[in-house]
């Protein structure tokens, strides 16, 4: 199985935090727990859909990570879409966009809430050569399998977060 990566380089960014910078608490369980605004450059011309996955490979403890915790799964984002607004709700997602299930067993964004230490949060954007079928709220694993062999290119933005001490001690 061949991964046919495009020569087009997409870039993903957020007005809320720089790559490898701290994520503001409003996007976490310390704050309003709203999704950050995300913007990206134009995907390859042959892209038919985009996939966004936000995950934390440092769970539960960055000193001894055991799992990658999934915070948000979106797929079939139209390729002409170049941003998601802060705090976007399901009803406001671009037409045709579908959601998967995060590791809290629900759809939608659930922000950083690390139990210990500073964690890294990978915001991954994939351009696919197809529109995926309705996978009916897939898990990350199901979505990974469905998009395998369809990835044209990908990009990522990494944010960092550590719980405030007052929250961690409660």
C-alpha atoms as a PDB file:
ATOM      1  CA  UNK A   1       0.000   0.000   0.000  1.00  0.00           C
ATOM      2  CA  UNK A   2       1.468   3.259  -1.129  1.00  0.00           C
ATOM      3  CA  UNK A   3       1.179   6.618   0.572  1.00  0.00           C
ATOM      4  CA  UNK A   4       1.139   9.041  -2.346  1.00  0.00           C
ATOM      5  CA  UNK A   5       2.133  12.299  -0.711  1.00  0.00           C
ATOM      6  CA  UNK A   6       1.553  15.471  -2.692  1.00  0.00           C
ATOM      7  CA  UNK A   7       4.284  18.023  -3.295  1.00  0.00           C
ATOM      8  CA  UNK A   8       1.935  20.701  -1.904  1.00  0.00           C
ATOM      9  CA  UNK A   9       2.828  21.655   1.663  1.00  0.00           C
ATOM     10  CA  UNK A  10      -0.064  22.679   3.880  1.00  0.00           C
ATOM     11  CA  UNK A  11       0.529  24.714   7.011  1.00  0.00           C
ATOM     12  CA  UNK A  12      -1.715  24.669  10.075  1.00  0.00           C
ATOM     13  CA  UNK A  13      -1.774  27.480  12.630  1.00  0.00           C
ATOM     14  CA  UNK A  14      -3.870  29.056  15.356  1.00  0.00           C
ATOM     15  CA  UNK A  15      -4.231  32.688  16.405  1.00  0.00           C
ATOM     16  CA  UNK A  16      -4.509  31.357  19.988  1.00  0.00           C
ATOM     17  CA  UNK A  17      -1.063  29.771  20.307  1.00  0.00           C
ATOM     18  CA  UNK A  18       2.190  29.327  18.403  1.00  0.00           C
ATOM     19  CA  UNK A  19       3.550  25.969  17.334  1.00  0.00           C
ATOM     20  CA  UNK A  20       5.029  24.355  20.473  1.00  0.00           C
ATOM     21  CA  UNK A  21       3.564  27.215  22.524  1.00  0.00           C
ATOM     22  CA  UNK A  22       1.231  27.090  25.498  1.00  0.00           C
ATOM     23  CA  UNK A  23      -2.482  26.614  24.803  1.00  0.00           C
ATOM     24  CA  UNK A  24      -4.568  29.301  26.562  1.00  0.00           C
ATOM     25  CA  UNK A  25      -6.686  27.941  29.416  1.00  0.00           C
ATOM     26  CA  UNK A  26      -9.950  28.957  27.670  1.00  0.00           C
ATOM     27  CA  UNK A  27      -9.388  25.948  25.362  1.00  0.00           C
ATOM     28  CA  UNK A  28      -8.989  23.540  28.298  1.00  0.00           C
ATOM     29  CA  UNK A  29     -10.860  22.089  31.268  1.00  0.00           C
ATOM     30  CA  UNK A  30      -9.367  24.938  33.331  1.00  0.00           C
ATOM     31  CA  UNK A  31     -11.403  27.391  31.256  1.00  0.00           C
ATOM     32  CA  UNK A  32     -14.384  27.408  28.890  1.00  0.00           C
ATOM     33  CA  UNK A  33     -13.167  24.243  27.108  1.00  0.00           C
ATOM     34  CA  UNK A  34     -13.815  25.732  23.651  1.00  0.00           C
ATOM     35  CA  UNK A  35     -11.953  24.628  20.558  1.00  0.00           C
ATOM     36  CA  UNK A  36      -9.197  26.948  19.351  1.00  0.00           C
ATOM     37  CA  UNK A  37      -9.528  28.776  16.055  1.00  0.00           C
ATOM     38  CA  UNK A  38      -7.513  26.945  13.420  1.00  0.00           C
ATOM     39  CA  UNK A  39      -6.438  28.144   9.982  1.00  0.00           C
ATOM     40  CA  UNK A  40      -4.551  26.396   7.218  1.00  0.00           C
ATOM     41  CA  UNK A  41      -3.165  26.974   3.781  1.00  0.00           C
ATOM     42  CA  UNK A  42      -4.768  25.624   0.623  1.00  0.00           C
ATOM     43  CA  UNK A  43      -4.599  21.824   0.274  1.00  0.00           C
ATOM     44  CA  UNK A  44      -3.476  20.129  -2.968  1.00  0.00           C
ATOM     45  CA  UNK A  45      -5.770  20.617  -5.986  1.00  0.00           C
ATOM     46  CA  UNK A  46      -6.674  16.928  -5.978  1.00  0.00           C
ATOM     47  CA  UNK A  47      -7.799  16.952  -2.333  1.00  0.00           C
ATOM     48  CA  UNK A  48     -11.430  15.905  -1.963  1.00  0.00           C
ATOM     49  CA  UNK A  49     -11.718  16.212   1.821  1.00  0.00           C
ATOM     50  CA  UNK A  50      -9.793  17.066   4.980  1.00  0.00           C
ATOM     51  CA  UNK A  51      -9.503  15.287   8.323  1.00  0.00           C
ATOM     52  CA  UNK A  52      -8.664  16.969  11.638  1.00  0.00           C
ATOM     53  CA  UNK A  53      -7.528  14.949  14.634  1.00  0.00           C
ATOM     54  CA  UNK A  54      -6.385  16.417  17.949  1.00  0.00           C
ATOM     55  CA  UNK A  55      -4.635  14.022  20.282  1.00  0.00           C
ATOM     56  CA  UNK A  56      -2.281  13.804  23.259  1.00  0.00           C
ATOM     57  CA  UNK A  57       0.462  11.150  23.013  1.00  0.00           C
ATOM     58  CA  UNK A  58       1.628  11.859  26.586  1.00  0.00           C
ATOM     59  CA  UNK A  59      -1.319  10.345  28.474  1.00  0.00           C
ATOM     60  CA  UNK A  60      -1.625   9.826  31.293  1.00  0.00           C
ATOM     61  CA  UNK A  61       1.850  10.976  32.395  1.00  0.00           C
ATOM     62  CA  UNK A  62       4.494  12.439  30.060  1.00  0.00           C
ATOM     63  CA  UNK A  63       7.171  10.690  32.146  1.00  0.00           C
ATOM     64  CA  UNK A  64       5.552   7.315  31.392  1.00  0.00           C
ATOM     65  CA  UNK A  65       3.051   7.680  28.499  1.00  0.00           C
ATOM     66  CA  UNK A  66       0.758   4.701  27.969  1.00  0.00           C
ATOM     67  CA  UNK A  67      -1.834   5.856  25.430  1.00  0.00           C
ATOM     68  CA  UNK A  68      -2.587   8.543  22.886  1.00  0.00           C
ATOM     69  CA  UNK A  69      -5.725  10.325  24.122  1.00  0.00           C
ATOM     70  CA  UNK A  70      -8.016  11.629  21.358  1.00  0.00           C
ATOM     71  CA  UNK A  71      -9.647  15.040  21.922  1.00  0.00           C
ATOM     72  CA  UNK A  72     -11.431  15.743  18.619  1.00  0.00           C
ATOM     73  CA  UNK A  73     -12.117  13.957  15.347  1.00  0.00           C
ATOM     74  CA  UNK A  74     -13.535  15.681  12.264  1.00  0.00           C
ATOM     75  CA  UNK A  75     -13.636  14.252   8.757  1.00  0.00           C
ATOM     76  CA  UNK A  76     -15.003  15.098   5.311  1.00  0.00           C
ATOM     77  CA  UNK A  77     -14.178  18.756   5.867  1.00  0.00           C
ATOM     78  CA  UNK A  78     -14.598  20.332   2.407  1.00  0.00           C
ATOM     79  CA  UNK A  79     -11.196  21.103   0.837  1.00  0.00           C
ATOM     80  CA  UNK A  80     -12.163  24.720   0.142  1.00  0.00           C
ATOM     81  CA  UNK A  81     -12.503  25.253   3.912  1.00  0.00           C
ATOM     82  CA  UNK A  82      -9.413  27.045   5.240  1.00  0.00           C
ATOM     83  CA  UNK A  83     -10.396  27.614   8.876  1.00  0.00           C
ATOM     84  CA  UNK A  84     -12.477  26.613  11.856  1.00  0.00           C
ATOM     85  CA  UNK A  85     -13.632  29.376  14.184  1.00  0.00           C
ATOM     86  CA  UNK A  86     -12.959  29.317  17.910  1.00  0.00           C
ATOM     87  CA  UNK A  87     -15.634  27.444  19.844  1.00  0.00           C
ATOM     88  CA  UNK A  88     -17.289  26.128  16.692  1.00  0.00           C
ATOM     89  CA  UNK A  89     -20.386  24.039  17.373  1.00  0.00           C
ATOM     90  CA  UNK A  90     -21.470  20.940  15.427  1.00  0.00           C
ATOM     91  CA  UNK A  91     -24.293  22.859  13.729  1.00  0.00           C
ATOM     92  CA  UNK A  92     -21.785  25.436  12.439  1.00  0.00           C
ATOM     93  CA  UNK A  93     -19.239  23.002  11.003  1.00  0.00           C
ATOM     94  CA  UNK A  94     -18.677  23.321   7.247  1.00  0.00           C
ATOM     95  CA  UNK A  95     -21.385  21.560   5.209  1.00  0.00           C
ATOM     96  CA  UNK A  96     -20.642  17.837   4.891  1.00  0.00           C
ATOM     97  CA  UNK A  97     -18.230  17.698   7.837  1.00  0.00           C
ATOM     98  CA  UNK A  98     -18.763  14.670  10.067  1.00  0.00           C
ATOM     99  CA  UNK A  99     -17.504  13.976  13.578  1.00  0.00           C
ATOM    100  CA  UNK A 100     -15.898  10.988  15.166  1.00  0.00           C
ATOM    101  CA  UNK A 101     -15.875   9.936  18.788  1.00  0.00           C
ATOM    102  CA  UNK A 102     -13.184  11.214  21.143  1.00  0.00           C
ATOM    103  CA  UNK A 103     -11.787   9.252  24.082  1.00  0.00           C
ATOM    104  CA  UNK A 104     -14.544  10.578  26.365  1.00  0.00           C
ATOM    105  CA  UNK A 105     -16.866   8.512  24.111  1.00  0.00           C
ATOM    106  CA  UNK A 106     -18.626  11.551  22.663  1.00  0.00           C
ATOM    107  CA  UNK A 107     -18.436  13.713  19.574  1.00  0.00           C
ATOM    108  CA  UNK A 108     -17.164  17.263  19.681  1.00  0.00           C
ATOM    109  CA  UNK A 109     -14.149  19.007  21.095  1.00  0.00           C
ATOM    110  CA  UNK A 110     -12.918  18.205  24.585  1.00  0.00           C
ATOM    111  CA  UNK A 111      -9.833  20.201  25.440  1.00  0.00           C
ATOM    112  CA  UNK A 112      -6.657  19.485  27.348  1.00  0.00           C
ATOM    113  CA  UNK A 113      -7.073  18.279  30.922  1.00  0.00           C
ATOM    114  CA  UNK A 114      -3.833  16.470  31.765  1.00  0.00           C
ATOM    115  CA  UNK A 115      -3.788  14.657  35.114  1.00  0.00           C
ATOM    116  CA  UNK A 116      -0.080  15.334  35.669  1.00  0.00           C
ATOM    117  CA  UNK A 117       2.747  17.222  34.000  1.00  0.00           C
ATOM    118  CA  UNK A 118       2.941  19.192  30.790  1.00  0.00           C
ATOM    119  CA  UNK A 119       1.424  17.422  27.780  1.00  0.00           C
ATOM    120  CA  UNK A 120       1.744  17.942  24.026  1.00  0.00           C
ATOM    121  CA  UNK A 121      -1.425  18.296  21.959  1.00  0.00           C
ATOM    122  CA  UNK A 122      -1.044  17.449  18.291  1.00  0.00           C
ATOM    123  CA  UNK A 123      -3.502  19.139  15.927  1.00  0.00           C
ATOM    124  CA  UNK A 124      -3.175  17.040  12.759  1.00  0.00           C
ATOM    125  CA  UNK A 125      -4.710  17.991   9.427  1.00  0.00           C
ATOM    126  CA  UNK A 126      -4.790  15.506   6.551  1.00  0.00           C
ATOM    127  CA  UNK A 127      -5.754  16.125   2.910  1.00  0.00           C
ATOM    128  CA  UNK A 128      -7.406  13.065   1.343  1.00  0.00           C
ATOM    129  CA  UNK A 129      -7.972  12.095  -2.278  1.00  0.00           C
ATOM    130  CA  UNK A 130     -11.561  11.068  -1.497  1.00  0.00           C
ATOM    131  CA  UNK A 131     -14.642  11.852   0.533  1.00  0.00           C
ATOM    132  CA  UNK A 132     -15.080   9.108   3.099  1.00  0.00           C
ATOM    133  CA  UNK A 133     -18.416   7.345   3.584  1.00  0.00           C
ATOM    134  CA  UNK A 134     -20.441   8.156   6.677  1.00  0.00           C
ATOM    135  CA  UNK A 135     -18.606   6.049   9.251  1.00  0.00           C
ATOM    136  CA  UNK A 136     -21.250   6.775  11.931  1.00  0.00           C
ATOM    137  CA  UNK A 137     -19.216   8.482  14.657  1.00  0.00           C
ATOM    138  CA  UNK A 138     -15.998   6.502  14.163  1.00  0.00           C
ATOM    139  CA  UNK A 139     -13.228   6.178  16.692  1.00  0.00           C
ATOM    140  CA  UNK A 140      -9.789   7.417  15.718  1.00  0.00           C
ATOM    141  CA  UNK A 141      -8.736   3.844  14.924  1.00  0.00           C
ATOM    142  CA  UNK A 142     -11.660   3.310  12.519  1.00  0.00           C
ATOM    143  CA  UNK A 143     -10.971   6.652  10.836  1.00  0.00           C
ATOM    144  CA  UNK A 144      -7.241   5.890  10.503  1.00  0.00           C
ATOM    145  CA  UNK A 145      -8.104   2.646   8.724  1.00  0.00           C
ATOM    146  CA  UNK A 146     -10.610   4.355   6.410  1.00  0.00           C
ATOM    147  CA  UNK A 147      -8.198   7.100   5.353  1.00  0.00           C
ATOM    148  CA  UNK A 148      -5.206   4.770   4.913  1.00  0.00           C
ATOM    149  CA  UNK A 149      -3.980   4.924   1.306  1.00  0.00           C
ATOM    150  CA  UNK A 150      -5.921   8.169   0.710  1.00  0.00           C
ATOM    151  CA  UNK A 151      -3.596  10.714   2.362  1.00  0.00           C
ATOM    152  CA  UNK A 152      -2.169  13.255  -0.076  1.00  0.00           C
ATOM    153  CA  UNK A 153      -0.386  15.379   2.518  1.00  0.00           C
ATOM    154  CA  UNK A 154      -0.562  16.280   6.189  1.00  0.00           C
ATOM    155  CA  UNK A 155       0.498  18.986   8.589  1.00  0.00           C
ATOM    156  CA  UNK A 156       0.451  19.474  12.334  1.00  0.00           C
ATOM    157  CA  UNK A 157       0.438  22.123  15.010  1.00  0.00           C
ATOM    158  CA  UNK A 158       1.613  21.235  18.511  1.00  0.00           C
ATOM    159  CA  UNK A 159       0.312  23.007  21.597  1.00  0.00           C
ATOM    160  CA  UNK A 160       1.444  22.491  25.181  1.00  0.00           C
ATOM    161  CA  UNK A 161      -0.574  22.528  28.374  1.00  0.00           C
ATOM    162  CA  UNK A 162      -0.198  21.880  32.096  1.00  0.00           C
ATOM    163  CA  UNK A 163      -3.160  22.145  34.497  1.00  0.00           C
ATOM    164  CA  UNK A 164      -3.182  25.076  36.842  1.00  0.00           C
ATOM    165  CA  UNK A 165      -2.248  23.962  40.350  1.00  0.00           C
ATOM    166  CA  UNK A 166      -5.588  24.969  41.848  1.00  0.00           C
ATOM    167  CA  UNK A 167      -7.445  22.644  39.441  1.00  0.00           C
ATOM    168  CA  UNK A 168      -4.972  19.772  39.747  1.00  0.00           C
ATOM    169  CA  UNK A 169      -5.313  19.742  43.540  1.00  0.00           C
ATOM    170  CA  UNK A 170      -9.109  19.594  43.574  1.00  0.00           C
END
